[in-house]
Amino acid sequence: GVAHWQAQVGQPEQALMLIGLVQQHPSSYQESKDRLVRLAAELQAVLSTEQVQAALARGQASELWATVAAVQAELGPDLPLSSPIPSHHQARSLAA
């Protein structure tokens, strides 16, 4: 998913923000949350505790559609998330 891609291209804090969003969003699948546990642990190994906590907190406080728009702007208009779909599906697939 997008969080894994962000981690691979050197954007660990952005990846953690998405993880924070997925962890707290009520419509996130448990499977998605479980897949992100390992990535979060990997990112915690490369960032300070303060950076990790701040990024997760920003993600937890973020609004789903604002985050989707930011990801679309970063990745470009060809991102497959460009068509509106119900937010409960979006949170499930955004980061995982």
N, C-alpha and C. Protein backbone atom coordinates (compact mmCIF):
# COMPACT_ATOMS: atom_id res chain seq x y z
N GLY A 1 0.82 -1.19 0.00
CA GLY A 1 0.00 0.00 0.00
C GLY A 1 0.86 1.25 0.00
N VAL A 2 0.22 2.35 0.14
CA VAL A 2 0.88 3.65 0.09
C VAL A 2 1.88 3.81 1.23
N ALA A 3 1.54 3.37 2.42
CA ALA A 3 2.46 3.51 3.56
C ALA A 3 3.75 2.74 3.30
N HIS A 4 3.65 1.54 2.76
CA HIS A 4 4.85 0.76 2.44
C HIS A 4 5.68 1.48 1.37
N TRP A 5 5.01 2.02 0.36
CA TRP A 5 5.72 2.75 -0.69
C TRP A 5 6.44 3.96 -0.09
N GLN A 6 5.74 4.72 0.76
CA GLN A 6 6.37 5.89 1.36
C GLN A 6 7.61 5.50 2.17
N ALA A 7 7.53 4.42 2.88
CA ALA A 7 8.68 3.95 3.65
C ALA A 7 9.84 3.59 2.72
N GLN A 8 9.54 2.95 1.61
CA GLN A 8 10.57 2.51 0.66
C GLN A 8 11.26 3.68 -0.02
N VAL A 9 10.54 4.78 -0.23
CA VAL A 9 11.13 5.92 -0.93
C VAL A 9 11.67 6.98 0.03
N GLY A 10 11.84 6.59 1.29
CA GLY A 10 12.47 7.50 2.24
C GLY A 10 11.56 8.50 2.90
N GLN A 11 10.30 8.16 3.06
CA GLN A 11 9.34 9.04 3.72
C GLN A 11 8.74 8.33 4.94
N PRO A 12 9.57 7.98 5.91
CA PRO A 12 9.07 7.19 7.04
C PRO A 12 8.03 7.92 7.89
N GLU A 13 8.17 9.23 8.05
CA GLU A 13 7.19 9.95 8.87
C GLU A 13 5.83 9.99 8.19
N GLN A 14 5.81 10.16 6.87
CA GLN A 14 4.54 10.13 6.14
C GLN A 14 3.90 8.75 6.23
N ALA A 15 4.73 7.71 6.15
CA ALA A 15 4.20 6.35 6.29
C ALA A 15 3.58 6.16 7.66
N LEU A 16 4.24 6.64 8.70
CA LEU A 16 3.70 6.52 10.05
C LEU A 16 2.42 7.32 10.22
N MET A 17 2.32 8.45 9.54
CA MET A 17 1.07 9.21 9.61
C MET A 17 -0.08 8.38 9.05
N LEU A 18 0.14 7.71 7.93
CA LEU A 18 -0.91 6.85 7.38
C LEU A 18 -1.22 5.69 8.32
N ILE A 19 -0.20 5.14 8.93
CA ILE A 19 -0.42 4.06 9.89
C ILE A 19 -1.27 4.56 11.05
N GLY A 20 -0.96 5.75 11.54
CA GLY A 20 -1.76 6.32 12.62
C GLY A 20 -3.21 6.51 12.23
N LEU A 21 -3.44 6.95 11.00
CA LEU A 21 -4.81 7.13 10.52
C LEU A 21 -5.54 5.79 10.46
N VAL A 22 -4.91 4.80 9.88
CA VAL A 22 -5.55 3.49 9.74
C VAL A 22 -5.79 2.85 11.12
N GLN A 23 -4.84 3.01 12.02
CA GLN A 23 -5.00 2.41 13.35
C GLN A 23 -6.21 2.95 14.09
N GLN A 24 -6.53 4.21 13.90
CA GLN A 24 -7.62 4.81 14.66
C GLN A 24 -8.94 4.88 13.90
N HIS A 25 -8.92 4.69 12.60
CA HIS A 25 -10.16 4.85 11.82
C HIS A 25 -11.11 3.68 12.11
N PRO A 26 -12.36 3.99 12.43
CA PRO A 26 -13.29 2.93 12.82
C PRO A 26 -13.62 1.93 11.72
N SER A 27 -13.39 2.28 10.48
CA SER A 27 -13.73 1.37 9.39
C SER A 27 -12.55 0.58 8.85
N SER A 28 -11.40 0.73 9.47
CA SER A 28 -10.23 -0.01 9.00
C SER A 28 -10.38 -1.49 9.32
N TYR A 29 -10.01 -2.31 8.36
CA TYR A 29 -9.99 -3.75 8.57
C TYR A 29 -8.89 -4.11 9.56
N GLN A 30 -9.15 -5.08 10.41
CA GLN A 30 -8.12 -5.55 11.33
C GLN A 30 -6.94 -6.12 10.56
N GLU A 31 -7.20 -6.76 9.43
CA GLU A 31 -6.13 -7.30 8.59
C GLU A 31 -5.16 -6.20 8.15
N SER A 32 -5.70 -5.04 7.78
CA SER A 32 -4.85 -3.91 7.39
C SER A 32 -4.01 -3.45 8.57
N LYS A 33 -4.64 -3.34 9.72
CA LYS A 33 -3.92 -2.91 10.92
C LYS A 33 -2.80 -3.90 11.24
N ASP A 34 -3.10 -5.18 11.14
CA ASP A 34 -2.10 -6.21 11.43
C ASP A 34 -0.91 -6.13 10.49
N ARG A 35 -1.16 -5.88 9.19
CA ARG A 35 -0.07 -5.78 8.22
C ARG A 35 0.83 -4.59 8.51
N LEU A 36 0.25 -3.55 9.09
CA LEU A 36 1.02 -2.34 9.34
C LEU A 36 1.85 -2.41 10.61
N VAL A 37 1.60 -3.38 11.47
CA VAL A 37 2.36 -3.50 12.71
C VAL A 37 3.84 -3.71 12.41
N ARG A 38 4.15 -4.59 11.48
CA ARG A 38 5.55 -4.86 11.13
C ARG A 38 6.22 -3.63 10.53
N LEU A 39 5.51 -2.93 9.64
CA LEU A 39 6.07 -1.72 9.04
C LEU A 39 6.32 -0.67 10.12
N ALA A 40 5.39 -0.50 11.02
CA ALA A 40 5.57 0.47 12.10
C ALA A 40 6.81 0.13 12.93
N ALA A 41 7.01 -1.14 13.21
CA ALA A 41 8.19 -1.56 13.98
C ALA A 41 9.48 -1.25 13.22
N GLU A 42 9.47 -1.49 11.92
CA GLU A 42 10.65 -1.19 11.10
C GLU A 42 10.95 0.30 11.12
N LEU A 43 9.91 1.11 11.03
CA LEU A 43 10.10 2.56 11.01
C LEU A 43 10.54 3.08 12.37
N GLN A 44 10.09 2.45 13.43
CA GLN A 44 10.51 2.85 14.78
C GLN A 44 12.00 2.62 14.98
N ALA A 45 12.56 1.70 14.21
CA ALA A 45 13.99 1.42 14.32
C ALA A 45 14.85 2.49 13.65
N VAL A 46 14.27 3.29 12.75
CA VAL A 46 15.05 4.29 12.03
C VAL A 46 14.74 5.72 12.45
N LEU A 47 13.71 5.92 13.24
CA LEU A 47 13.34 7.25 13.71
C LEU A 47 13.43 7.31 15.23
N SER A 48 13.54 8.52 15.74
CA SER A 48 13.54 8.68 17.19
C SER A 48 12.14 8.42 17.74
N THR A 49 12.07 8.13 19.01
CA THR A 49 10.78 7.90 19.66
C THR A 49 9.88 9.11 19.49
N GLU A 50 10.44 10.30 19.60
CA GLU A 50 9.66 11.53 19.46
C GLU A 50 9.09 11.66 18.05
N GLN A 51 9.90 11.34 17.04
CA GLN A 51 9.43 11.42 15.66
C GLN A 51 8.30 10.42 15.42
N VAL A 52 8.45 9.22 15.93
CA VAL A 52 7.43 8.18 15.75
C VAL A 52 6.13 8.62 16.41
N GLN A 53 6.21 9.04 17.66
CA GLN A 53 5.01 9.44 18.38
C GLN A 53 4.32 10.63 17.71
N ALA A 54 5.11 11.60 17.25
CA ALA A 54 4.52 12.77 16.60
C ALA A 54 3.84 12.40 15.29
N ALA A 55 4.48 11.56 14.49
CA ALA A 55 3.90 11.16 13.20
C ALA A 55 2.62 10.35 13.41
N LEU A 56 2.64 9.41 14.34
CA LEU A 56 1.42 8.63 14.62
C LEU A 56 0.30 9.53 15.12
N ALA A 57 0.64 10.49 15.98
CA ALA A 57 -0.38 11.41 16.50
C ALA A 57 -0.97 12.27 15.39
N ARG A 58 -0.11 12.74 14.46
CA ARG A 58 -0.63 13.52 13.33
C ARG A 58 -1.58 12.67 12.49
N GLY A 59 -1.22 11.43 12.28
CA GLY A 59 -2.10 10.54 11.52
C GLY A 59 -3.41 10.28 12.22
N GLN A 60 -3.35 10.06 13.53
CA GLN A 60 -4.56 9.80 14.30
C GLN A 60 -5.49 11.01 14.31
N ALA A 61 -4.91 12.20 14.22
CA ALA A 61 -5.71 13.43 14.24
C ALA A 61 -6.15 13.86 12.84
N SER A 62 -5.66 13.19 11.82
CA SER A 62 -5.95 13.62 10.45
C SER A 62 -7.34 13.19 10.01
N GLU A 63 -7.82 13.90 9.02
CA GLU A 63 -9.13 13.62 8.43
C GLU A 63 -8.91 12.78 7.18
N LEU A 64 -9.70 11.76 7.01
CA LEU A 64 -9.50 10.79 5.94
C LEU A 64 -9.40 11.44 4.57
N TRP A 65 -10.40 12.23 4.18
CA TRP A 65 -10.42 12.76 2.82
C TRP A 65 -9.33 13.79 2.58
N ALA A 66 -8.94 14.53 3.60
CA ALA A 66 -7.82 15.45 3.46
C ALA A 66 -6.53 14.66 3.21
N THR A 67 -6.40 13.53 3.89
CA THR A 67 -5.23 12.68 3.69
C THR A 67 -5.23 12.07 2.30
N VAL A 68 -6.38 11.61 1.84
CA VAL A 68 -6.49 11.06 0.49
C VAL A 68 -6.09 12.12 -0.54
N ALA A 69 -6.58 13.34 -0.36
CA ALA A 69 -6.24 14.42 -1.30
C ALA A 69 -4.75 14.71 -1.29
N ALA A 70 -4.13 14.70 -0.11
CA ALA A 70 -2.69 14.95 -0.01
C ALA A 70 -1.89 13.84 -0.70
N VAL A 71 -2.31 12.60 -0.52
CA VAL A 71 -1.63 11.47 -1.17
C VAL A 71 -1.80 11.57 -2.68
N GLN A 72 -3.00 11.92 -3.14
CA GLN A 72 -3.22 12.08 -4.57
C GLN A 72 -2.35 13.17 -5.15
N ALA A 73 -2.23 14.28 -4.44
CA ALA A 73 -1.40 15.38 -4.92
C ALA A 73 0.07 14.96 -5.00
N GLU A 74 0.50 14.17 -4.04
CA GLU A 74 1.89 13.71 -4.02
C GLU A 74 2.18 12.71 -5.14
N LEU A 75 1.26 11.79 -5.37
CA LEU A 75 1.50 10.71 -6.33
C LEU A 75 1.03 11.03 -7.74
N GLY A 76 0.20 12.04 -7.88
CA GLY A 76 -0.26 12.43 -9.19
C GLY A 76 -1.67 11.96 -9.49
N PRO A 77 -2.24 12.45 -10.58
CA PRO A 77 -3.64 12.17 -10.90
C PRO A 77 -3.91 10.73 -11.32
N ASP A 78 -2.89 9.95 -11.62
CA ASP A 78 -3.11 8.57 -12.04
C ASP A 78 -3.29 7.61 -10.86
N LEU A 79 -3.20 8.14 -9.65
CA LEU A 79 -3.40 7.30 -8.48
C LEU A 79 -4.77 6.66 -8.54
N PRO A 80 -4.87 5.36 -8.34
CA PRO A 80 -6.16 4.68 -8.47
C PRO A 80 -7.20 5.11 -7.44
N LEU A 81 -6.85 5.94 -6.48
CA LEU A 81 -7.81 6.42 -5.50
C LEU A 81 -8.57 7.64 -6.00
N SER A 82 -8.41 8.01 -7.28
CA SER A 82 -8.95 9.26 -7.77
C SER A 82 -10.47 9.29 -7.86
N SER A 83 -11.13 8.15 -7.95
CA SER A 83 -12.59 8.19 -7.99
C SER A 83 -13.12 8.06 -6.57
N PRO A 84 -14.11 8.88 -6.23
CA PRO A 84 -14.65 8.84 -4.88
C PRO A 84 -15.27 7.48 -4.57
N ILE A 85 -14.90 6.95 -3.43
CA ILE A 85 -15.52 5.73 -2.95
C ILE A 85 -15.86 5.96 -1.48
N PRO A 86 -16.74 5.21 -0.92
CA PRO A 86 -17.12 5.44 0.47
C PRO A 86 -15.92 5.38 1.40
N SER A 87 -15.92 6.25 2.40
CA SER A 87 -14.76 6.38 3.27
C SER A 87 -14.42 5.10 4.01
N HIS A 88 -15.39 4.24 4.27
CA HIS A 88 -15.07 3.01 4.99
C HIS A 88 -14.20 2.09 4.14
N HIS A 89 -14.32 2.16 2.82
CA HIS A 89 -13.45 1.37 1.95
C HIS A 89 -12.08 2.04 1.82
N GLN A 90 -12.06 3.36 1.78
CA GLN A 90 -10.83 4.11 1.59
C GLN A 90 -9.85 3.87 2.72
N ALA A 91 -10.29 3.96 3.94
CA ALA A 91 -9.39 3.79 5.08
C ALA A 91 -8.82 2.39 5.12
N ARG A 92 -9.58 1.43 4.67
CA ARG A 92 -9.13 0.05 4.71
C ARG A 92 -7.98 -0.21 3.76
N SER A 93 -7.95 0.52 2.63
CA SER A 93 -6.95 0.21 1.62
C SER A 93 -5.85 1.25 1.50
N LEU A 94 -5.99 2.40 2.09
CA LEU A 94 -5.05 3.48 1.88
C LEU A 94 -3.64 3.13 2.33
N ALA A 95 -3.49 2.69 3.52
CA ALA A 95 -2.15 2.47 4.04
C ALA A 95 -1.67 1.05 3.91
N ALA A 96 -2.54 0.11 3.96
CA ALA A 96 -2.12 -1.30 4.00
C ALA A 96 -1.62 -1.80 2.67
